[in-house]
Amino acid sequence: MKAARAYPITEHTTDLRVEHVDEPTPGDGEVLVQITAAGVTPLDHTVATGGMPSAGPLPLTLGCEGAGIVAVDPDGRWPAGTRVMFFAGSGGVTADGTMAEFAVIPAQNLAAIPASVSDEVAAAVPIAYLTAALALRTAGFAPGECVFSPGIGGSVGNATTQLARALGASAVASSAGSTAKAETVRAAPWAYGIEVVDLERSRLPDGLSDAFADGIDVAVDGVGGTLTAQIAEALATGGQIVLVGYSGGRVAHLPITDVIWRRATLHGFSLSAVTAAQSRVAWSTIIELLVGGRINPVIDSIYPLDAASEALRHLVEDRPIGKVVITDLSRTR
């Protein structure tokens, strides 16, 4: 089968090659899935550039999420032919991932794809929406609270704001790094009811509307870096920040006085540490909202497997609005 394999190279660049490898065999608790679509994430770039010390040695097949068709489930829980979407667990990090014609996926990470949802859309859901749902739960989010998640163009910021809006937040906001991107998002139908702070024109506390007059109750931060400090400044009393990523920088200098005076709480979150029971509850919420049209995963572009390197470059360098997806994997033979 064909797979997109990352090879060792210098930091900030990648050597991604599409080549033939052996088809994997499912082990205990795993399901063999024929991949029909794979989401591309910033984590793929981190692994490919050696930025994650805990990642497995390269070469490694990238891809941490996707959609496909069950080929073999040794335990018989998932019938062959079932359409599924999934977070790949260690796949794409310490084991071969989903940018391939077939992949082995932990059985507990699978969810059936509703008939009304395409494979491409399904592949854009798992990491972003599971992270959003579980991060909001970590913060004890309740309807009526004000939610902020930066990076509206990125998958987590986009998913969190849409999910919080659907779950009854009183105000929802995100941010964009440029005026052009902010204006594009504001004009998009899926962004109705979501504030977008233009960070090119104002810092976060000043860019929020009067709906956030008492501050941010829950922030799901997948950006990090200098923006985390701005979020801390804009928190409500008792506000919470759930740290889920660091696409904007791995070091944040927080205003300690703001954290103390606001009696704020910071949480670290990792999707890899989520239990099967927690995942099931999150999937149930996500699928209900997806089928009801109350959340709309945004796809920027779709690439064939042979163009996986360009897909990853586009995600990291062009910073599109929405997900980048690889599909037609079985047609690359």
Protein backbone atom coordinates (compact mmCIF):
# COMPACT_ATOMS: atom_id res chain seq x y z
CA MET A 1 0.00 0.00 0.00
CA LYS A 2 1.02 3.66 -0.31
CA ALA A 3 1.75 5.89 2.67
CA ALA A 4 3.10 9.40 3.30
CA ARG A 5 6.28 8.88 5.33
CA ALA A 6 8.25 11.56 7.14
CA TYR A 7 12.05 11.25 7.06
CA PRO A 8 14.56 13.02 9.32
CA ILE A 9 15.62 16.50 8.25
CA THR A 10 16.39 19.88 9.82
CA GLU A 11 13.96 21.81 12.03
CA HIS A 12 11.08 23.70 10.35
CA THR A 13 11.36 21.70 7.13
CA THR A 14 10.02 18.30 6.17
CA ASP A 15 11.02 15.39 3.97
CA LEU A 16 7.70 13.72 3.25
CA ARG A 17 7.76 10.86 0.77
CA VAL A 18 4.87 8.83 -0.61
CA GLU A 19 6.10 5.28 -0.92
CA HIS A 20 5.02 1.64 -0.77
CA VAL A 21 4.97 -0.06 2.64
CA ASP A 22 3.46 -3.26 4.03
CA GLU A 23 -0.20 -3.22 5.03
CA PRO A 24 -0.47 -3.15 8.86
CA THR A 25 -1.99 -5.92 10.96
CA PRO A 26 -4.34 -5.06 13.85
CA GLY A 27 -3.28 -6.11 17.32
CA ASP A 28 -5.29 -6.51 20.51
CA GLY A 29 -7.96 -3.84 20.75
CA GLU A 30 -7.22 -2.51 17.28
CA VAL A 31 -9.23 -2.31 14.06
CA LEU A 32 -7.84 -2.28 10.52
CA VAL A 33 -9.44 0.58 8.60
CA GLN A 34 -9.25 1.34 4.90
CA ILE A 35 -8.63 5.08 4.93
CA THR A 36 -10.83 7.23 2.69
CA ALA A 37 -9.84 10.63 4.09
CA ALA A 38 -7.21 11.88 6.54
CA GLY A 39 -7.08 15.20 8.34
CA VAL A 40 -3.83 17.18 8.26
CA THR A 41 -2.87 18.80 11.57
CA PRO A 42 -0.07 20.99 12.98
CA LEU A 43 1.00 17.95 14.99
CA ASP A 44 1.99 16.25 11.72
CA HIS A 45 4.45 19.08 11.07
CA THR A 46 5.76 18.95 14.65
CA VAL A 47 6.47 15.23 14.33
CA ALA A 48 7.97 15.57 10.85
CA THR A 49 10.38 18.30 11.95
CA GLY A 50 11.52 16.54 15.12
CA GLY A 51 9.72 19.00 17.38
CA MET A 52 8.17 16.33 19.60
CA PRO A 53 10.78 14.48 21.67
CA SER A 54 8.29 11.76 22.62
CA ALA A 55 7.52 10.92 18.98
CA GLY A 56 8.74 7.70 17.47
CA PRO A 57 11.86 7.59 15.31
CA LEU A 58 11.52 8.62 11.68
CA PRO A 59 10.65 7.44 9.07
CA LEU A 60 7.04 7.32 10.23
CA THR A 61 3.69 7.46 8.45
CA LEU A 62 2.04 10.73 9.44
CA GLY A 63 -1.64 11.32 10.23
CA CYS A 64 -3.47 11.47 13.57
CA GLU A 65 -7.10 11.37 12.45
CA GLY A 66 -9.30 10.35 9.59
CA ALA A 67 -12.30 8.55 8.18
CA GLY A 68 -12.65 5.23 6.44
CA ILE A 69 -14.23 1.81 6.20
CA VAL A 70 -13.70 -1.01 8.69
CA ALA A 71 -11.73 -3.78 6.98
CA VAL A 72 -11.04 -6.14 9.89
CA ASP A 73 -11.99 -6.07 13.56
CA PRO A 74 -10.50 -9.15 15.23
CA ASP A 75 -12.84 -8.67 18.22
CA GLY A 76 -15.95 -8.49 16.04
CA ARG A 77 -17.29 -5.26 17.54
CA TRP A 78 -17.18 -3.31 14.28
CA PRO A 79 -18.66 -5.09 11.22
CA ALA A 80 -16.60 -4.96 8.05
CA GLY A 81 -17.82 -2.17 5.78
CA THR A 82 -18.87 0.20 8.59
CA ARG A 83 -18.02 3.83 7.86
CA VAL A 84 -16.05 5.28 10.78
CA MET A 85 -14.19 8.40 11.84
CA PHE A 86 -11.46 8.38 14.45
CA PHE A 87 -8.61 9.85 16.44
CA ALA A 88 -5.65 7.58 15.74
CA GLY A 89 -4.25 7.55 19.29
CA SER A 90 -0.51 6.95 19.00
CA GLY A 91 -0.84 6.78 15.21
CA GLY A 92 1.19 9.47 13.50
CA VAL A 93 3.23 10.11 16.66
CA THR A 94 4.84 6.93 17.99
CA ALA A 95 3.32 4.53 15.46
CA ASP A 96 2.36 4.73 11.80
CA GLY A 97 -0.65 6.94 11.18
CA THR A 98 -3.52 7.63 8.81
CA MET A 99 -1.90 9.14 5.70
CA ALA A 100 -1.99 5.73 4.07
CA GLU A 101 -4.36 3.37 2.33
CA PHE A 102 -4.82 1.37 5.54
CA ALA A 103 -4.18 2.07 9.23
CA VAL A 104 -4.73 0.32 12.55
CA ILE A 105 -6.85 2.33 14.97
CA PRO A 106 -7.65 1.69 18.66
CA ALA A 107 -11.20 0.29 18.70
CA GLN A 108 -12.23 2.67 21.49
CA ASN A 109 -11.39 5.67 19.28
CA LEU A 110 -13.83 4.86 16.49
CA ALA A 111 -17.22 6.46 15.93
CA ALA A 112 -19.74 5.63 13.22
CA ILE A 113 -20.13 8.27 10.53
CA PRO A 114 -23.74 9.45 10.12
CA ALA A 115 -25.15 8.73 6.66
CA SER A 116 -25.59 12.43 5.95
CA VAL A 117 -21.89 13.24 6.56
CA SER A 118 -19.24 12.86 3.86
CA ASP A 119 -15.92 11.16 4.51
CA GLU A 120 -14.07 14.43 3.93
CA VAL A 121 -16.12 16.24 6.56
CA ALA A 122 -15.84 13.29 8.94
CA ALA A 123 -12.05 13.36 8.65
CA ALA A 124 -12.09 17.02 9.72
CA VAL A 125 -13.97 16.29 12.95
CA PRO A 126 -12.07 13.99 15.37
CA ILE A 127 -9.14 15.89 16.85
CA ALA A 128 -10.65 19.38 16.68
CA TYR A 129 -14.10 18.58 17.99
CA LEU A 130 -13.05 15.96 20.54
CA THR A 131 -10.50 18.43 21.91
CA ALA A 132 -13.10 21.20 21.96
CA ALA A 133 -15.79 19.11 23.67
CA LEU A 134 -13.47 17.60 26.25
CA ALA A 135 -11.64 20.86 26.98
CA LEU A 136 -14.96 22.62 27.62
CA ARG A 137 -15.91 19.75 29.92
CA THR A 138 -12.55 20.02 31.71
CA ALA A 139 -13.36 23.66 32.47
CA GLY A 140 -16.85 22.76 33.67
CA PHE A 141 -18.45 24.87 30.96
CA ALA A 142 -22.14 25.66 31.48
CA PRO A 143 -24.68 27.42 29.22
CA GLY A 144 -24.66 31.17 29.69
CA GLU A 145 -20.88 31.47 30.07
CA CYS A 146 -18.58 33.51 27.82
CA VAL A 147 -16.11 31.42 25.81
CA PHE A 148 -13.00 32.42 23.91
CA SER A 149 -10.81 30.20 21.74
CA PRO A 150 -8.11 31.86 19.64
CA GLY A 151 -7.18 31.08 16.04
CA ILE A 152 -10.52 31.01 14.23
CA GLY A 153 -8.77 29.75 11.10
CA GLY A 154 -7.31 26.78 12.95
CA SER A 155 -9.25 23.62 13.64
CA VAL A 156 -9.46 23.84 17.46
CA GLY A 157 -10.38 27.52 17.60
CA ASN A 158 -12.98 26.99 14.92
CA ALA A 159 -14.43 23.87 16.52
CA THR A 160 -14.51 25.28 20.06
CA THR A 161 -16.35 28.45 19.10
CA GLN A 162 -18.91 26.55 17.03
CA LEU A 163 -19.41 23.96 19.76
CA ALA A 164 -19.72 26.52 22.56
CA ARG A 165 -22.26 28.48 20.52
CA ALA A 166 -24.31 25.31 19.94
CA LEU A 167 -24.13 24.37 23.63
CA GLY A 168 -25.57 27.67 24.82
CA ALA A 169 -22.70 30.04 25.56
CA SER A 170 -23.92 33.60 26.11
CA ALA A 171 -21.05 34.99 24.05
CA VAL A 172 -18.42 33.31 21.88
CA ALA A 173 -15.27 34.82 20.43
CA SER A 174 -12.09 33.88 18.62
CA SER A 175 -9.23 35.79 17.02
CA ALA A 176 -7.51 36.25 13.68
CA GLY A 177 -3.94 37.36 13.07
CA SER A 178 -4.80 39.68 10.21
CA THR A 179 -7.53 42.10 9.24
CA ALA A 180 -8.08 40.25 5.96
CA LYS A 181 -8.67 36.94 7.72
CA ALA A 182 -10.93 38.51 10.33
CA GLU A 183 -13.11 40.10 7.65
CA THR A 184 -13.28 36.86 5.65
CA VAL A 185 -14.48 34.91 8.67
CA ARG A 186 -17.03 37.53 9.70
CA ALA A 187 -18.62 37.22 6.25
CA ALA A 188 -18.88 33.42 6.43
CA PRO A 189 -22.34 31.97 7.19
CA TRP A 190 -20.91 29.38 9.59
CA ALA A 191 -19.43 32.17 11.75
CA TYR A 192 -22.78 33.79 12.62
CA GLY A 193 -22.78 34.77 16.29
CA ILE A 194 -19.02 34.35 16.71
CA GLU A 195 -16.98 37.48 17.48
CA VAL A 196 -13.60 37.69 15.77
CA VAL A 197 -10.94 39.87 17.39
CA ASP A 198 -8.58 41.34 14.80
CA LEU A 199 -5.17 41.04 16.49
CA GLU A 200 -3.59 43.14 13.76
CA ARG A 201 -5.57 46.11 15.04
CA SER A 202 -6.00 45.52 18.77
CA ARG A 203 -4.89 43.45 21.72
CA LEU A 204 -7.33 40.87 23.00
CA PRO A 205 -8.84 42.64 26.03
CA ASP A 206 -9.60 45.76 23.96
CA GLY A 207 -10.94 43.84 20.97
CA LEU A 208 -13.74 42.02 22.80
CA SER A 209 -17.28 43.42 22.70
CA ASP A 210 -19.45 44.50 25.63
CA ALA A 211 -20.79 40.93 25.74
CA PHE A 212 -17.45 40.14 27.43
CA ALA A 213 -17.65 43.09 29.83
CA ASP A 214 -17.20 40.76 32.83
CA GLY A 215 -14.43 38.86 31.08
CA ILE A 216 -13.87 35.41 29.61
CA ASP A 217 -15.26 32.55 31.68
CA VAL A 218 -13.65 29.74 29.68
CA ALA A 219 -10.75 29.95 27.23
CA VAL A 220 -9.62 26.95 25.20
CA ASP A 221 -6.14 27.98 24.06
CA GLY A 222 -4.56 26.12 21.18
CA VAL A 223 -2.25 29.01 20.24
CA GLY A 224 -0.11 29.71 23.31
CA GLY A 225 2.86 32.07 23.16
CA THR A 226 2.22 35.75 23.79
CA LEU A 227 -1.53 35.39 23.26
CA THR A 228 -1.92 33.30 26.42
CA ALA A 229 -0.91 36.34 28.49
CA GLN A 230 -3.55 38.45 26.74
CA ILE A 231 -6.16 35.81 27.52
CA ALA A 232 -5.15 35.91 31.20
CA GLU A 233 -5.66 39.69 31.18
CA ALA A 234 -9.17 39.28 29.76
CA LEU A 235 -10.41 36.58 32.16
CA ALA A 236 -13.48 36.95 34.34
CA THR A 237 -13.21 36.34 38.06
CA GLY A 238 -12.89 32.59 38.42
CA GLY A 239 -12.09 32.29 34.72
CA GLN A 240 -10.37 29.21 33.36
CA ILE A 241 -7.82 28.60 30.63
CA VAL A 242 -7.49 25.12 29.16
CA LEU A 243 -4.16 24.83 27.36
CA VAL A 244 -4.47 22.44 24.42
CA GLY A 245 -1.72 23.50 21.99
CA TYR A 246 1.09 25.89 21.17
CA SER A 247 0.95 26.74 17.46
CA GLY A 248 1.88 30.34 18.33
CA GLY A 249 4.74 29.51 20.68
CA ARG A 250 5.77 27.09 23.42
CA VAL A 251 6.61 29.74 26.03
CA ALA A 252 4.06 32.08 27.64
CA HIS A 253 4.87 34.83 30.15
CA LEU A 254 1.71 35.14 32.21
CA PRO A 255 0.76 38.20 34.27
CA ILE A 256 0.73 36.47 37.64
CA THR A 257 -1.23 39.28 39.28
CA ASP A 258 -4.08 38.78 36.81
CA VAL A 259 -4.14 35.07 37.54
CA ILE A 260 -4.16 35.65 41.30
CA TRP A 261 -6.62 38.55 41.46
CA ARG A 262 -9.05 36.81 39.14
CA ARG A 263 -8.65 33.51 41.01
CA ALA A 264 -8.05 31.93 37.64
CA THR A 265 -7.39 28.28 36.92
CA LEU A 266 -5.06 26.85 34.27
CA HIS A 267 -5.54 23.31 32.97
CA GLY A 268 -3.25 21.25 30.78
CA PHE A 269 -5.12 19.02 28.33
CA SER A 270 -4.01 16.10 26.16
CA LEU A 271 -6.39 14.16 23.94
CA SER A 272 -4.13 11.13 24.29
CA ALA A 273 -4.94 10.93 28.02
CA VAL A 274 -8.72 10.82 27.56
CA THR A 275 -10.52 7.66 28.71
CA ALA A 276 -12.80 5.58 26.50
CA ALA A 277 -15.81 6.61 28.60
CA GLN A 278 -14.99 10.31 28.24
CA SER A 279 -14.52 9.88 24.51
CA ARG A 280 -17.91 8.17 24.11
CA VAL A 281 -19.73 11.02 25.84
CA ALA A 282 -17.95 13.59 23.68
CA TRP A 283 -18.66 11.68 20.47
CA SER A 284 -22.34 11.48 21.37
CA THR A 285 -22.57 15.25 21.76
CA ILE A 286 -20.59 15.96 18.60
CA ILE A 287 -22.56 13.58 16.39
CA GLU A 288 -25.92 14.91 17.60
CA LEU A 289 -24.89 18.49 16.79
CA LEU A 290 -23.31 17.47 13.49
CA VAL A 291 -26.41 15.66 12.25
CA GLY A 292 -28.59 18.55 13.41
CA GLY A 293 -26.52 21.05 11.44
CA ARG A 294 -25.63 23.03 14.55
CA ILE A 295 -21.90 22.64 13.94
CA ASN A 296 -20.31 22.85 10.50
CA PRO A 297 -16.72 21.63 10.13
CA VAL A 298 -14.97 24.00 7.74
CA ILE A 299 -12.77 22.50 5.02
CA ASP A 300 -10.29 24.74 3.26
CA SER A 301 -8.83 22.31 0.74
CA ILE A 302 -8.59 18.66 -0.27
CA TYR A 303 -5.43 17.00 -1.64
CA PRO A 304 -4.65 13.53 -2.98
CA LEU A 305 -2.19 11.38 -1.06
CA ASP A 306 0.52 11.98 -3.66
CA ALA A 307 0.37 15.69 -2.74
CA ALA A 308 0.65 15.14 1.03
CA SER A 309 3.81 17.24 1.25
CA GLU A 310 2.08 20.20 -0.38
CA ALA A 311 -0.97 19.73 1.87
CA LEU A 312 1.22 19.95 4.97
CA ARG A 313 3.11 22.96 3.61
CA HIS A 314 -0.16 24.75 2.83
CA LEU A 315 -1.47 24.18 6.34
CA VAL A 316 1.66 25.41 8.09
CA GLU A 317 2.78 28.25 5.82
CA ASP A 318 -0.46 29.60 4.35
CA ARG A 319 -2.50 29.25 7.55
CA PRO A 320 -5.83 28.64 5.82
CA ILE A 321 -9.27 29.06 7.32
CA GLY A 322 -10.50 25.54 7.99
CA LYS A 323 -9.18 22.02 7.67
CA VAL A 324 -6.83 20.56 5.09
CA VAL A 325 -7.83 17.02 4.16
CA ILE A 326 -6.16 14.25 2.17
CA THR A 327 -8.49 11.94 0.28
CA ASP A 328 -8.66 9.53 -2.66
CA LEU A 329 -6.04 7.46 -0.85
CA SER A 330 -7.13 4.17 -2.41
CA ARG A 331 -6.85 5.68 -5.89
CA THR A 332 -3.11 6.21 -5.65
CA ARG A 333 -2.16 2.58 -6.22
